[in-house]
Amino acid sequence: EGIRARGFDMPVLLRIDNILDAQIESLNETC
């Protein structure tokens, strides 16, 4: 809804920065 309110139509690719950070941490810490 916030994306549409900012003037962007669907379709939209939504990226979540935190997940990249968490996956890098998970791989390295598990190793």
PDB file of all heavy atoms in Angstrom:
ATOM      1  N   GLU A   1       0.838  -1.199   0.000  1.00  0.00           N
ATOM      2  CA  GLU A   1       0.000   0.000   0.000  1.00  0.00           C
ATOM      3  C   GLU A   1       0.876   1.253   0.000  1.00  0.00           C
ATOM      4  O   GLU A   1       0.582   2.245  -0.682  1.00  0.00           O
ATOM      5  CB  GLU A   1      -0.922  -0.012   1.223  1.00  0.00           C
ATOM      6  CG  GLU A   1      -1.914   1.140   1.273  1.00  0.00           C
ATOM      7  CD  GLU A   1      -2.820   1.180   0.062  1.00  0.00           C
ATOM      8  OE1 GLU A   1      -3.242   0.112  -0.417  1.00  0.00           O
ATOM      9  OE2 GLU A   1      -3.093   2.302  -0.439  1.00  0.00           O
ATOM     10  N   GLY A   2       1.946   1.225   0.769  1.00  0.00           N
ATOM     11  CA  GLY A   2       2.871   2.349   0.782  1.00  0.00           C
ATOM     12  C   GLY A   2       3.560   2.557  -0.557  1.00  0.00           C
ATOM     13  O   GLY A   2       3.829   3.692  -0.961  1.00  0.00           O
ATOM     14  N   ILE A   3       3.841   1.462  -1.241  1.00  0.00           N
ATOM     15  CA  ILE A   3       4.443   1.557  -2.575  1.00  0.00           C
ATOM     16  C   ILE A   3       3.489   2.256  -3.540  1.00  0.00           C
ATOM     17  O   ILE A   3       3.880   3.159  -4.295  1.00  0.00           O
ATOM     18  CB  ILE A   3       4.811   0.147  -3.092  1.00  0.00           C
ATOM     19  CG1 ILE A   3       5.981  -0.427  -2.285  1.00  0.00           C
ATOM     20  CG2 ILE A   3       5.153   0.184  -4.582  1.00  0.00           C
ATOM     21  CD1 ILE A   3       6.259  -1.892  -2.570  1.00  0.00           C
ATOM     22  N   ARG A   4       2.221   1.848  -3.510  1.00  0.00           N
ATOM     23  CA  ARG A   4       1.235   2.473  -4.400  1.00  0.00           C
ATOM     24  C   ARG A   4       1.019   3.941  -4.045  1.00  0.00           C
ATOM     25  O   ARG A   4       0.850   4.783  -4.921  1.00  0.00           O
ATOM     26  CB  ARG A   4      -0.085   1.701  -4.334  1.00  0.00           C
ATOM     27  CG  ARG A   4      -0.038   0.348  -5.020  1.00  0.00           C
ATOM     28  CD  ARG A   4      -1.439  -0.178  -5.272  1.00  0.00           C
ATOM     29  NE  ARG A   4      -2.128  -0.425  -4.013  1.00  0.00           N
ATOM     30  CZ  ARG A   4      -2.221  -1.613  -3.432  1.00  0.00           C
ATOM     31  NH1 ARG A   4      -1.660  -2.664  -4.002  1.00  0.00           N
ATOM     32  NH2 ARG A   4      -2.860  -1.762  -2.293  1.00  0.00           N
ATOM     33  N   ALA A   5       1.020   4.246  -2.736  1.00  0.00           N
ATOM     34  CA  ALA A   5       0.835   5.630  -2.305  1.00  0.00           C
ATOM     35  C   ALA A   5       1.969   6.530  -2.799  1.00  0.00           C
ATOM     36  O   ALA A   5       1.777   7.735  -2.978  1.00  0.00           O
ATOM     37  CB  ALA A   5       0.741   5.699  -0.779  1.00  0.00           C
ATOM     38  N   ARG A   6       3.133   5.944  -3.041  1.00  0.00           N
ATOM     39  CA  ARG A   6       4.274   6.704  -3.537  1.00  0.00           C
ATOM     40  C   ARG A   6       4.304   6.783  -5.063  1.00  0.00           C
ATOM     41  O   ARG A   6       5.268   7.267  -5.650  1.00  0.00           O
ATOM     42  CB  ARG A   6       5.577   6.096  -3.007  1.00  0.00           C
ATOM     43  CG  ARG A   6       5.804   6.358  -1.525  1.00  0.00           C
ATOM     44  CD  ARG A   6       6.863   5.443  -0.924  1.00  0.00           C
ATOM     45  NE  ARG A   6       7.210   5.827   0.433  1.00  0.00           N
ATOM     46  CZ  ARG A   6       6.492   5.546   1.513  1.00  0.00           C
ATOM     47  NH1 ARG A   6       5.351   4.852   1.371  1.00  0.00           N
ATOM     48  NH2 ARG A   6       6.882   5.936   2.708  1.00  0.00           N
ATOM     49  N   GLY A   7       3.262   6.253  -5.697  1.00  0.00           N
ATOM     50  CA  GLY A   7       3.129   6.406  -7.139  1.00  0.00           C
ATOM     51  C   GLY A   7       3.687   5.284  -7.981  1.00  0.00           C
ATOM     52  O   GLY A   7       3.832   5.427  -9.190  1.00  0.00           O
ATOM     53  N   PHE A   8       3.981   4.137  -7.347  1.00  0.00           N
ATOM     54  CA  PHE A   8       4.505   2.999  -8.103  1.00  0.00           C
ATOM     55  C   PHE A   8       3.396   1.973  -8.311  1.00  0.00           C
ATOM     56  O   PHE A   8       2.737   1.550  -7.364  1.00  0.00           O
ATOM     57  CB  PHE A   8       5.677   2.344  -7.361  1.00  0.00           C
ATOM     58  CG  PHE A   8       6.939   3.133  -7.387  1.00  0.00           C
ATOM     59  CD1 PHE A   8       7.178   4.126  -6.447  1.00  0.00           C
ATOM     60  CD2 PHE A   8       7.897   2.911  -8.366  1.00  0.00           C
ATOM     61  CE1 PHE A   8       8.339   4.867  -6.467  1.00  0.00           C
ATOM     62  CE2 PHE A   8       9.066   3.646  -8.403  1.00  0.00           C
ATOM     63  CZ  PHE A   8       9.291   4.631  -7.453  1.00  0.00           C
ATOM     64  N   ASP A   9       3.212   1.569  -9.560  1.00  0.00           N
ATOM     65  CA  ASP A   9       2.214   0.552  -9.875  1.00  0.00           C
ATOM     66  C   ASP A   9       2.797  -0.846  -9.691  1.00  0.00           C
ATOM     67  O   ASP A   9       4.005  -1.044  -9.715  1.00  0.00           O
ATOM     68  CB  ASP A   9       1.730   0.710 -11.322  1.00  0.00           C
ATOM     69  CG  ASP A   9       0.772   1.876 -11.484  1.00  0.00           C
ATOM     70  OD1 ASP A   9      -0.133   2.017 -10.651  1.00  0.00           O
ATOM     71  OD2 ASP A   9       0.925   2.643 -12.451  1.00  0.00           O
ATOM     72  N   MET A  10       1.901  -1.812  -9.562  1.00  0.00           N
ATOM     73  CA  MET A  10       2.301  -3.214  -9.619  1.00  0.00           C
ATOM     74  C   MET A  10       2.581  -3.590 -11.076  1.00  0.00           C
ATOM     75  O   MET A  10       2.015  -2.968 -11.973  1.00  0.00           O
ATOM     76  CB  MET A  10       1.198  -4.107  -9.055  1.00  0.00           C
ATOM     77  CG  MET A  10       0.916  -3.878  -7.576  1.00  0.00           C
ATOM     78  SD  MET A  10       2.274  -4.470  -6.557  1.00  0.00           S
ATOM     79  CE  MET A  10       2.290  -3.217  -5.263  1.00  0.00           C
ATOM     80  N   PRO A  11       3.433  -4.572 -11.341  1.00  0.00           N
ATOM     81  CA  PRO A  11       4.166  -5.406 -10.392  1.00  0.00           C
ATOM     82  C   PRO A  11       5.372  -4.672  -9.817  1.00  0.00           C
ATOM     83  O   PRO A  11       5.933  -3.768 -10.444  1.00  0.00           O
ATOM     84  CB  PRO A  11       4.595  -6.601 -11.235  1.00  0.00           C
ATOM     85  CG  PRO A  11       4.742  -6.038 -12.620  1.00  0.00           C
ATOM     86  CD  PRO A  11       3.673  -4.992 -12.746  1.00  0.00           C
ATOM     87  N   VAL A  12       5.774  -5.125  -8.635  1.00  0.00           N
ATOM     88  CA  VAL A  12       6.922  -4.547  -7.933  1.00  0.00           C
ATOM     89  C   VAL A  12       7.779  -5.684  -7.381  1.00  0.00           C
ATOM     90  O   VAL A  12       7.247  -6.661  -6.847  1.00  0.00           O
ATOM     91  CB  VAL A  12       6.466  -3.632  -6.775  1.00  0.00           C
ATOM     92  CG1 VAL A  12       7.640  -3.260  -5.881  1.00  0.00           C
ATOM     93  CG2 VAL A  12       5.805  -2.373  -7.313  1.00  0.00           C
ATOM     94  N   LEU A  13       9.073  -5.554  -7.522  1.00  0.00           N
ATOM     95  CA  LEU A  13       9.993  -6.465  -6.853  1.00  0.00           C
ATOM     96  C   LEU A  13      10.389  -5.816  -5.538  1.00  0.00           C
ATOM     97  O   LEU A  13      10.984  -4.728  -5.528  1.00  0.00           O
ATOM     98  CB  LEU A  13      11.232  -6.731  -7.706  1.00  0.00           C
ATOM     99  CG  LEU A  13      12.182  -7.771  -7.103  1.00  0.00           C
ATOM    100  CD1 LEU A  13      11.601  -9.170  -7.248  1.00  0.00           C
ATOM    101  CD2 LEU A  13      13.551  -7.707  -7.766  1.00  0.00           C
ATOM    102  N   LEU A  14      10.035  -6.455  -4.442  1.00  0.00           N
ATOM    103  CA  LEU A  14      10.338  -5.932  -3.110  1.00  0.00           C
ATOM    104  C   LEU A  14      11.585  -6.607  -2.572  1.00  0.00           C
ATOM    105  O   LEU A  14      11.640  -7.832  -2.463  1.00  0.00           O
ATOM    106  CB  LEU A  14       9.150  -6.183  -2.177  1.00  0.00           C
ATOM    107  CG  LEU A  14       9.355  -5.808  -0.700  1.00  0.00           C
ATOM    108  CD1 LEU A  14       9.554  -4.304  -0.540  1.00  0.00           C
ATOM    109  CD2 LEU A  14       8.190  -6.292   0.145  1.00  0.00           C
ATOM    110  N   ARG A  15      12.578  -5.793  -2.226  1.00  0.00           N
ATOM    111  CA  ARG A  15      13.802  -6.312  -1.617  1.00  0.00           C
ATOM    112  C   ARG A  15      13.840  -5.918  -0.140  1.00  0.00           C
ATOM    113  O   ARG A  15      13.465  -4.795   0.214  1.00  0.00           O
ATOM    114  CB  ARG A  15      15.055  -5.765  -2.309  1.00  0.00           C
ATOM    115  CG  ARG A  15      15.259  -6.228  -3.738  1.00  0.00           C
ATOM    116  CD  ARG A  15      16.716  -6.027  -4.143  1.00  0.00           C
ATOM    117  NE  ARG A  15      16.910  -6.219  -5.565  1.00  0.00           N
ATOM    118  CZ  ARG A  15      17.236  -5.255  -6.425  1.00  0.00           C
ATOM    119  NH1 ARG A  15      17.426  -4.024  -5.998  1.00  0.00           N
ATOM    120  NH2 ARG A  15      17.407  -5.508  -7.700  1.00  0.00           N
ATOM    121  N   ILE A  16      14.306  -6.833   0.693  1.00  0.00           N
ATOM    122  CA  ILE A  16      14.419  -6.578   2.130  1.00  0.00           C
ATOM    123  C   ILE A  16      15.893  -6.667   2.499  1.00  0.00           C
ATOM    124  O   ILE A  16      16.487  -7.758   2.547  1.00  0.00           O
ATOM    125  CB  ILE A  16      13.584  -7.584   2.955  1.00  0.00           C
ATOM    126  CG1 ILE A  16      12.116  -7.547   2.522  1.00  0.00           C
ATOM    127  CG2 ILE A  16      13.695  -7.258   4.435  1.00  0.00           C
ATOM    128  CD1 ILE A  16      11.730  -8.602   1.513  1.00  0.00           C
ATOM    129  N   ASP A  17      16.514  -5.514   2.741  1.00  0.00           N
ATOM    130  CA  ASP A  17      17.952  -5.461   3.005  1.00  0.00           C
ATOM    131  C   ASP A  17      18.360  -6.323   4.192  1.00  0.00           C
ATOM    132  O   ASP A  17      19.410  -6.982   4.175  1.00  0.00           O
ATOM    133  CB  ASP A  17      18.373  -4.014   3.270  1.00  0.00           C
ATOM    134  CG  ASP A  17      18.491  -3.195   1.988  1.00  0.00           C
ATOM    135  OD1 ASP A  17      18.274  -3.769   0.903  1.00  0.00           O
ATOM    136  OD2 ASP A  17      18.787  -1.988   2.076  1.00  0.00           O
ATOM    137  N   ASN A  18      17.533  -6.324   5.238  1.00  0.00           N
ATOM    138  CA  ASN A  18      17.906  -7.046   6.464  1.00  0.00           C
ATOM    139  C   ASN A  18      18.166  -8.524   6.203  1.00  0.00           C
ATOM    140  O   ASN A  18      19.007  -9.145   6.861  1.00  0.00           O
ATOM    141  CB  ASN A  18      16.792  -6.937   7.502  1.00  0.00           C
ATOM    142  CG  ASN A  18      16.317  -5.515   7.721  1.00  0.00           C
ATOM    143  OD1 ASN A  18      15.699  -4.934   6.840  1.00  0.00           O
ATOM    144  ND2 ASN A  18      16.596  -4.970   8.895  1.00  0.00           N
ATOM    145  N   ILE A  19      17.427  -9.099   5.261  1.00  0.00           N
ATOM    146  CA  ILE A  19      17.564 -10.541   5.020  1.00  0.00           C
ATOM    147  C   ILE A  19      18.926 -10.866   4.413  1.00  0.00           C
ATOM    148  O   ILE A  19      19.537 -11.888   4.746  1.00  0.00           O
ATOM    149  CB  ILE A  19      16.407 -11.050   4.146  1.00  0.00           C
ATOM    150  CG1 ILE A  19      15.078 -10.919   4.904  1.00  0.00           C
ATOM    151  CG2 ILE A  19      16.627 -12.500   3.727  1.00  0.00           C
ATOM    152  CD1 ILE A  19      13.865 -11.399   4.136  1.00  0.00           C
ATOM    153  N   LEU A  20      19.422 -10.007   3.526  1.00  0.00           N
ATOM    154  CA  LEU A  20      20.771 -10.209   3.000  1.00  0.00           C
ATOM    155  C   LEU A  20      21.787 -10.232   4.134  1.00  0.00           C
ATOM    156  O   LEU A  20      22.667 -11.100   4.197  1.00  0.00           O
ATOM    157  CB  LEU A  20      21.132  -9.090   2.008  1.00  0.00           C
ATOM    158  CG  LEU A  20      20.611  -9.193   0.588  1.00  0.00           C
ATOM    159  CD1 LEU A  20      21.028  -7.965  -0.204  1.00  0.00           C
ATOM    160  CD2 LEU A  20      21.109 -10.447  -0.093  1.00  0.00           C
ATOM    161  N   ASP A  21      21.671  -9.264   5.026  1.00  0.00           N
ATOM    162  CA  ASP A  21      22.579  -9.171   6.173  1.00  0.00           C
ATOM    163  C   ASP A  21      22.482 -10.426   7.034  1.00  0.00           C
ATOM    164  O   ASP A  21      23.498 -11.024   7.421  1.00  0.00           O
ATOM    165  CB  ASP A  21      22.215  -7.925   6.987  1.00  0.00           C
ATOM    166  CG  ASP A  21      23.275  -7.570   8.014  1.00  0.00           C
ATOM    167  OD1 ASP A  21      24.333  -8.236   8.055  1.00  0.00           O
ATOM    168  OD2 ASP A  21      23.050  -6.614   8.788  1.00  0.00           O
ATOM    169  N   ALA A  22      21.241 -10.854   7.306  1.00  0.00           N
ATOM    170  CA  ALA A  22      21.036 -12.011   8.180  1.00  0.00           C
ATOM    171  C   ALA A  22      21.560 -13.296   7.555  1.00  0.00           C
ATOM    172  O   ALA A  22      22.117 -14.162   8.253  1.00  0.00           O
ATOM    173  CB  ALA A  22      19.554 -12.158   8.504  1.00  0.00           C
ATOM    174  N   GLN A  23      21.400 -13.463   6.241  1.00  0.00           N
ATOM    175  CA  GLN A  23      21.874 -14.684   5.585  1.00  0.00           C
ATOM    176  C   GLN A  23      23.401 -14.757   5.546  1.00  0.00           C
ATOM    177  O   GLN A  23      23.980 -15.833   5.722  1.00  0.00           O
ATOM    178  CB  GLN A  23      21.312 -14.772   4.162  1.00  0.00           C
ATOM    179  CG  GLN A  23      19.852 -15.189   4.082  1.00  0.00           C
ATOM    180  CD  GLN A  23      19.646 -16.615   4.554  1.00  0.00           C
ATOM    181  OE1 GLN A  23      19.364 -16.855   5.732  1.00  0.00           O
ATOM    182  NE2 GLN A  23      19.771 -17.574   3.650  1.00  0.00           N
ATOM    183  N   ILE A  24      24.058 -13.621   5.326  1.00  0.00           N
ATOM    184  CA  ILE A  24      25.526 -13.603   5.361  1.00  0.00           C
ATOM    185  C   ILE A  24      26.015 -13.954   6.763  1.00  0.00           C
ATOM    186  O   ILE A  24      26.940 -14.759   6.942  1.00  0.00           O
ATOM    187  CB  ILE A  24      26.056 -12.223   4.923  1.00  0.00           C
ATOM    188  CG1 ILE A  24      25.808 -12.015   3.428  1.00  0.00           C
ATOM    189  CG2 ILE A  24      27.543 -12.084   5.241  1.00  0.00           C
ATOM    190  CD1 ILE A  24      26.132 -10.626   2.940  1.00  0.00           C
ATOM    191  N   GLU A  25      25.368 -13.380   7.757  1.00  0.00           N
ATOM    192  CA  GLU A  25      25.733 -13.674   9.146  1.00  0.00           C
ATOM    193  C   GLU A  25      25.501 -15.145   9.474  1.00  0.00           C
ATOM    194  O   GLU A  25      26.346 -15.796  10.099  1.00  0.00           O
ATOM    195  CB  GLU A  25      24.923 -12.788  10.090  1.00  0.00           C
ATOM    196  CG  GLU A  25      25.190 -13.043  11.560  1.00  0.00           C
ATOM    197  CD  GLU A  25      24.302 -12.203  12.457  1.00  0.00           C
ATOM    198  OE1 GLU A  25      24.363 -10.959  12.343  1.00  0.00           O
ATOM    199  OE2 GLU A  25      23.544 -12.787  13.259  1.00  0.00           O
ATOM    200  N   SER A  26      24.370 -15.675   9.046  1.00  0.00           N
ATOM    201  CA  SER A  26      24.032 -17.061   9.352  1.00  0.00           C
ATOM    202  C   SER A  26      25.048 -18.025   8.770  1.00  0.00           C
ATOM    203  O   SER A  26      25.518 -18.953   9.451  1.00  0.00           O
ATOM    204  CB  SER A  26      22.627 -17.380   8.817  1.00  0.00           C
ATOM    205  OG  SER A  26      22.281 -18.716   9.072  1.00  0.00           O
ATOM    206  N   LEU A  27      25.424 -17.832   7.496  1.00  0.00           N
ATOM    207  CA  LEU A  27      26.396 -18.721   6.864  1.00  0.00           C
ATOM    208  C   LEU A  27      27.743 -18.658   7.574  1.00  0.00           C
ATOM    209  O   LEU A  27      28.334 -19.695   7.917  1.00  0.00           O
ATOM    210  CB  LEU A  27      26.558 -18.348   5.385  1.00  0.00           C
ATOM    211  CG  LEU A  27      27.656 -19.102   4.626  1.00  0.00           C
ATOM    212  CD1 LEU A  27      27.373 -20.595   4.592  1.00  0.00           C
ATOM    213  CD2 LEU A  27      27.797 -18.556   3.208  1.00  0.00           C
ATOM    214  N   ASN A  28      28.236 -17.459   7.806  1.00  0.00           N
ATOM    215  CA  ASN A  28      29.571 -17.309   8.389  1.00  0.00           C
ATOM    216  C   ASN A  28      29.621 -17.759   9.846  1.00  0.00           C
ATOM    217  O   ASN A  28      30.585 -18.412  10.267  1.00  0.00           O
ATOM    218  CB  ASN A  28      30.035 -15.854   8.257  1.00  0.00           C
ATOM    219  CG  ASN A  28      30.502 -15.509   6.856  1.00  0.00           C
ATOM    220  OD1 ASN A  28      31.651 -15.744   6.501  1.00  0.00           O
ATOM    221  ND2 ASN A  28      29.608 -14.963   6.050  1.00  0.00           N
ATOM    222  N   GLU A  29      28.579 -17.444  10.611  1.00  0.00           N
ATOM    223  CA  GLU A  29      28.581 -17.839  12.021  1.00  0.00           C
ATOM    224  C   GLU A  29      28.379 -19.347  12.180  1.00  0.00           C
ATOM    225  O   GLU A  29      28.960 -19.963  13.079  1.00  0.00           O
ATOM    226  CB  GLU A  29      27.487 -17.077  12.773  1.00  0.00           C
ATOM    227  CG  GLU A  29      27.778 -15.590  12.960  1.00  0.00           C
ATOM    228  CD  GLU A  29      29.003 -15.335  13.832  1.00  0.00           C
ATOM    229  OE1 GLU A  29      29.336 -16.201  14.674  1.00  0.00           O
ATOM    230  OE2 GLU A  29      29.652 -14.286  13.661  1.00  0.00           O
ATOM    231  N   THR A  30      27.560 -19.939  11.321  1.00  0.00           N
ATOM    232  CA  THR A  30      27.371 -21.395  11.395  1.00  0.00           C
ATOM    233  C   THR A  30      28.657 -22.114  11.046  1.00  0.00           C
ATOM    234  O   THR A  30      29.008 -23.130  11.670  1.00  0.00           O
ATOM    235  CB  THR A  30      26.229 -21.838  10.467  1.00  0.00           C
ATOM    236  OG1 THR A  30      25.045 -21.091  10.765  1.00  0.00           O
ATOM    237  CG2 THR A  30      25.924 -23.313  10.633  1.00  0.00           C
ATOM    238  N   CYS A  31      29.382 -21.609  10.042  1.00  0.00           N
ATOM    239  CA  CYS A  31      30.682 -22.201   9.703  1.00  0.00           C
ATOM    240  C   CYS A  31      31.668 -22.032  10.853  1.00  0.00           C
ATOM    241  O   CYS A  31      32.419 -22.964  11.195  1.00  0.00           O
ATOM    242  CB  CYS A  31      31.240 -21.555   8.434  1.00  0.00           C
ATOM    243  SG  CYS A  31      30.472 -22.145   6.921  1.00  0.00           S
TER     244      CYS A  31
END
